[in-house]
């Protein structure tokens, strides 16, 4: 005696349509969130960057992609100012090389590290808020 089993699934088209709309909403929300987060991170980095004359602070740059951003500083001495450095051993003068009377270590400002900690602390909260707004709004 043959047994015939029929399974009917209803509403698959509606489920697929809903998932596609959530996908589009989520992509848009994440792109907007990452764009705003990149801008906020650049503002934080500018505040953390020391400003004596303003050259170092004005070198803080933001490059944004689809769902990513990159922060950098284009000023050539940014690394020295961030990590710290020793003062020069001496100078070349018209009379030859003159040794410095005293050398010291200049402590770094660590603005890269401060910005990294800010990004680590904010990233998960920002992404969660974007996901909740996309799913809740769909």
C-alpha atoms as a PDB file:
ATOM      1  CA  UNK A   1       0.000   0.000   0.000  1.00  0.00           C
ATOM      2  CA  UNK A   2       1.684   3.292  -1.146  1.00  0.00           C
ATOM      3  CA  UNK A   3       1.752   6.294   1.121  1.00  0.00           C
ATOM      4  CA  UNK A   4       1.678   9.756  -0.372  1.00  0.00           C
ATOM      5  CA  UNK A   5       2.841  12.674   1.730  1.00  0.00           C
ATOM      6  CA  UNK A   6       2.305  16.201   0.500  1.00  0.00           C
ATOM      7  CA  UNK A   7       3.803  19.184   2.227  1.00  0.00           C
ATOM      8  CA  UNK A   8       2.494  22.575   1.305  1.00  0.00           C
ATOM      9  CA  UNK A   9       4.416  25.641   2.370  1.00  0.00           C
ATOM     10  CA  UNK A  10       2.487  28.855   2.254  1.00  0.00           C
ATOM     11  CA  UNK A  11       3.852  32.346   2.462  1.00  0.00           C
ATOM     12  CA  UNK A  12       7.362  31.611   1.115  1.00  0.00           C
ATOM     13  CA  UNK A  13       7.099  34.442  -1.392  1.00  0.00           C
ATOM     14  CA  UNK A  14       6.113  36.890   1.349  1.00  0.00           C
ATOM     15  CA  UNK A  15       9.004  35.713   3.534  1.00  0.00           C
ATOM     16  CA  UNK A  16      11.495  36.147   0.688  1.00  0.00           C
ATOM     17  CA  UNK A  17      10.103  39.580  -0.106  1.00  0.00           C
ATOM     18  CA  UNK A  18      10.409  40.602   3.560  1.00  0.00           C
ATOM     19  CA  UNK A  19      14.006  39.330   3.763  1.00  0.00           C
ATOM     20  CA  UNK A  20      14.948  41.240   0.607  1.00  0.00           C
ATOM     21  CA  UNK A  21      13.496  44.448   2.015  1.00  0.00           C
ATOM     22  CA  UNK A  22      15.335  43.894   5.305  1.00  0.00           C
ATOM     23  CA  UNK A  23      18.555  43.308   3.334  1.00  0.00           C
ATOM     24  CA  UNK A  24      18.175  46.609   1.488  1.00  0.00           C
ATOM     25  CA  UNK A  25      17.238  48.487   4.674  1.00  0.00           C
ATOM     26  CA  UNK A  26      20.150  46.934   6.579  1.00  0.00           C
ATOM     27  CA  UNK A  27      22.693  47.820   3.896  1.00  0.00           C
ATOM     28  CA  UNK A  28      21.485  51.409   3.804  1.00  0.00           C
ATOM     29  CA  UNK A  29      21.451  51.715   7.591  1.00  0.00           C
ATOM     30  CA  UNK A  30      24.958  50.246   7.912  1.00  0.00           C
ATOM     31  CA  UNK A  31      26.357  52.517   5.194  1.00  0.00           C
ATOM     32  CA  UNK A  32      24.839  55.573   6.867  1.00  0.00           C
ATOM     33  CA  UNK A  33      26.083  54.442  10.265  1.00  0.00           C
ATOM     34  CA  UNK A  34      29.633  53.806   9.047  1.00  0.00           C
ATOM     35  CA  UNK A  35      29.715  57.154   7.285  1.00  0.00           C
ATOM     36  CA  UNK A  36      28.636  58.985  10.441  1.00  0.00           C
ATOM     37  CA  UNK A  37      30.920  56.836  12.628  1.00  0.00           C
ATOM     38  CA  UNK A  38      33.908  57.680  10.414  1.00  0.00           C
ATOM     39  CA  UNK A  39      33.138  61.377  10.682  1.00  0.00           C
ATOM     40  CA  UNK A  40      32.701  61.152  14.465  1.00  0.00           C
ATOM     41  CA  UNK A  41      35.960  59.197  14.774  1.00  0.00           C
ATOM     42  CA  UNK A  42      37.804  61.829  12.773  1.00  0.00           C
ATOM     43  CA  UNK A  43      36.396  64.526  15.074  1.00  0.00           C
ATOM     44  CA  UNK A  44      37.563  62.520  18.099  1.00  0.00           C
ATOM     45  CA  UNK A  45      41.026  62.094  16.564  1.00  0.00           C
ATOM     46  CA  UNK A  46      41.258  65.837  15.896  1.00  0.00           C
ATOM     47  CA  UNK A  47      40.463  66.519  19.554  1.00  0.00           C
ATOM     48  CA  UNK A  48      43.035  63.949  20.714  1.00  0.00           C
ATOM     49  CA  UNK A  49      45.749  65.272  18.371  1.00  0.00           C
ATOM     50  CA  UNK A  50      47.910  67.905  20.042  1.00  0.00           C
ATOM     51  CA  UNK A  51      47.706  71.347  18.468  1.00  0.00           C
ATOM     52  CA  UNK A  52      50.592  73.714  18.936  1.00  0.00           C
ATOM     53  CA  UNK A  53      50.390  75.515  15.607  1.00  0.00           C
ATOM     54  CA  UNK A  54      47.576  73.397  14.141  1.00  0.00           C
ATOM     55  CA  UNK A  55      49.588  71.688  11.391  1.00  0.00           C
ATOM     56  CA  UNK A  56      49.465  68.248  13.009  1.00  0.00           C
ATOM     57  CA  UNK A  57      45.755  68.490  13.761  1.00  0.00           C
ATOM     58  CA  UNK A  58      44.942  69.654  10.236  1.00  0.00           C
ATOM     59  CA  UNK A  59      46.745  66.584   8.881  1.00  0.00           C
ATOM     60  CA  UNK A  60      44.136  64.192  10.323  1.00  0.00           C
ATOM     61  CA  UNK A  61      42.526  62.590   7.276  1.00  0.00           C
ATOM     62  CA  UNK A  62      39.500  60.350   6.733  1.00  0.00           C
ATOM     63  CA  UNK A  63      39.048  58.007   3.778  1.00  0.00           C
ATOM     64  CA  UNK A  64      35.645  56.324   3.568  1.00  0.00           C
ATOM     65  CA  UNK A  65      34.658  53.255   1.602  1.00  0.00           C
ATOM     66  CA  UNK A  66      31.408  51.325   1.232  1.00  0.00           C
ATOM     67  CA  UNK A  67      31.202  50.058   4.816  1.00  0.00           C
ATOM     68  CA  UNK A  68      34.601  51.053   6.133  1.00  0.00           C
ATOM     69  CA  UNK A  69      36.737  54.055   6.921  1.00  0.00           C
ATOM     70  CA  UNK A  70      40.424  54.723   7.410  1.00  0.00           C
ATOM     71  CA  UNK A  71      41.907  57.401   9.624  1.00  0.00           C
ATOM     72  CA  UNK A  72      45.439  58.656   9.087  1.00  0.00           C
ATOM     73  CA  UNK A  73      47.629  61.681   9.559  1.00  0.00           C
ATOM     74  CA  UNK A  74      49.540  62.905   6.518  1.00  0.00           C
ATOM     75  CA  UNK A  75      51.985  65.124   8.412  1.00  0.00           C
ATOM     76  CA  UNK A  76      55.462  63.569   8.223  1.00  0.00           C
ATOM     77  CA  UNK A  77      56.209  63.915  11.948  1.00  0.00           C
ATOM     78  CA  UNK A  78      52.885  62.498  13.175  1.00  0.00           C
ATOM     79  CA  UNK A  79      54.500  59.195  14.168  1.00  0.00           C
ATOM     80  CA  UNK A  80      57.188  60.929  16.211  1.00  0.00           C
ATOM     81  CA  UNK A  81      54.584  63.052  17.985  1.00  0.00           C
ATOM     82  CA  UNK A  82      52.348  60.065  18.630  1.00  0.00           C
ATOM     83  CA  UNK A  83      54.926  57.542  19.873  1.00  0.00           C
ATOM     84  CA  UNK A  84      57.537  59.916  21.314  1.00  0.00           C
ATOM     85  CA  UNK A  85      61.121  60.549  20.215  1.00  0.00           C
ATOM     86  CA  UNK A  86      64.592  61.495  21.339  1.00  0.00           C
ATOM     87  CA  UNK A  87      65.862  64.994  20.714  1.00  0.00           C
ATOM     88  CA  UNK A  88      68.639  65.252  18.087  1.00  0.00           C
ATOM     89  CA  UNK A  89      72.244  64.352  18.902  1.00  0.00           C
ATOM     90  CA  UNK A  90      73.437  67.478  17.184  1.00  0.00           C
ATOM     91  CA  UNK A  91      73.102  69.752  14.165  1.00  0.00           C
ATOM     92  CA  UNK A  92      74.951  70.408  10.965  1.00  0.00           C
ATOM     93  CA  UNK A  93      76.122  74.012  10.938  1.00  0.00           C
ATOM     94  CA  UNK A  94      78.392  75.974   8.643  1.00  0.00           C
ATOM     95  CA  UNK A  95      81.195  75.246  11.142  1.00  0.00           C
ATOM     96  CA  UNK A  96      80.610  71.488  11.010  1.00  0.00           C
ATOM     97  CA  UNK A  97      78.612  69.093  13.133  1.00  0.00           C
ATOM     98  CA  UNK A  98      77.841  70.381  16.642  1.00  0.00           C
ATOM     99  CA  UNK A  99      76.799  67.973  19.362  1.00  0.00           C
ATOM    100  CA  UNK A 100      73.815  68.848  21.504  1.00  0.00           C
ATOM    101  CA  UNK A 101      74.588  69.723  25.122  1.00  0.00           C
ATOM    102  CA  UNK A 102      71.726  67.615  26.369  1.00  0.00           C
ATOM    103  CA  UNK A 103      69.455  64.957  24.891  1.00  0.00           C
ATOM    104  CA  UNK A 104      66.088  63.997  26.220  1.00  0.00           C
ATOM    105  CA  UNK A 105      63.071  61.883  25.374  1.00  0.00           C
ATOM    106  CA  UNK A 106      59.924  63.722  24.315  1.00  0.00           C
ATOM    107  CA  UNK A 107      56.881  61.782  25.512  1.00  0.00           C
ATOM    108  CA  UNK A 108      54.341  60.846  22.845  1.00  0.00           C
ATOM    109  CA  UNK A 109      50.769  62.117  22.770  1.00  0.00           C
ATOM    110  CA  UNK A 110      49.336  58.668  21.856  1.00  0.00           C
ATOM    111  CA  UNK A 111      46.469  60.123  19.836  1.00  0.00           C
ATOM    112  CA  UNK A 112      46.356  57.042  17.560  1.00  0.00           C
ATOM    113  CA  UNK A 113      45.837  54.769  20.551  1.00  0.00           C
ATOM    114  CA  UNK A 114      43.171  57.029  22.063  1.00  0.00           C
ATOM    115  CA  UNK A 115      41.276  57.045  18.774  1.00  0.00           C
ATOM    116  CA  UNK A 116      41.572  53.265  18.468  1.00  0.00           C
ATOM    117  CA  UNK A 117      40.103  52.812  21.951  1.00  0.00           C
ATOM    118  CA  UNK A 118      37.241  55.160  21.067  1.00  0.00           C
ATOM    119  CA  UNK A 119      36.484  53.156  17.925  1.00  0.00           C
ATOM    120  CA  UNK A 120      36.614  49.841  19.825  1.00  0.00           C
ATOM    121  CA  UNK A 121      34.228  51.176  22.437  1.00  0.00           C
ATOM    122  CA  UNK A 122      31.705  52.621  19.986  1.00  0.00           C
ATOM    123  CA  UNK A 123      31.709  50.186  17.043  1.00  0.00           C
ATOM    124  CA  UNK A 124      29.495  47.426  18.448  1.00  0.00           C
ATOM    125  CA  UNK A 125      26.909  49.865  19.809  1.00  0.00           C
ATOM    126  CA  UNK A 126      26.692  51.715  16.495  1.00  0.00           C
ATOM    127  CA  UNK A 127      26.269  48.527  14.445  1.00  0.00           C
ATOM    128  CA  UNK A 128      23.661  47.157  16.864  1.00  0.00           C
ATOM    129  CA  UNK A 129      21.658  50.378  16.631  1.00  0.00           C
ATOM    130  CA  UNK A 130      21.791  50.234  12.817  1.00  0.00           C
ATOM    131  CA  UNK A 131      20.610  46.610  12.747  1.00  0.00           C
ATOM    132  CA  UNK A 132      17.793  47.307  15.192  1.00  0.00           C
ATOM    133  CA  UNK A 133      16.601  50.307  13.208  1.00  0.00           C
ATOM    134  CA  UNK A 134      16.675  48.348   9.926  1.00  0.00           C
ATOM    135  CA  UNK A 135      14.861  45.282  11.279  1.00  0.00           C
ATOM    136  CA  UNK A 136      12.458  47.240  13.459  1.00  0.00           C
ATOM    137  CA  UNK A 137      11.629  49.607  10.602  1.00  0.00           C
ATOM    138  CA  UNK A 138      11.037  46.779   8.090  1.00  0.00           C
END
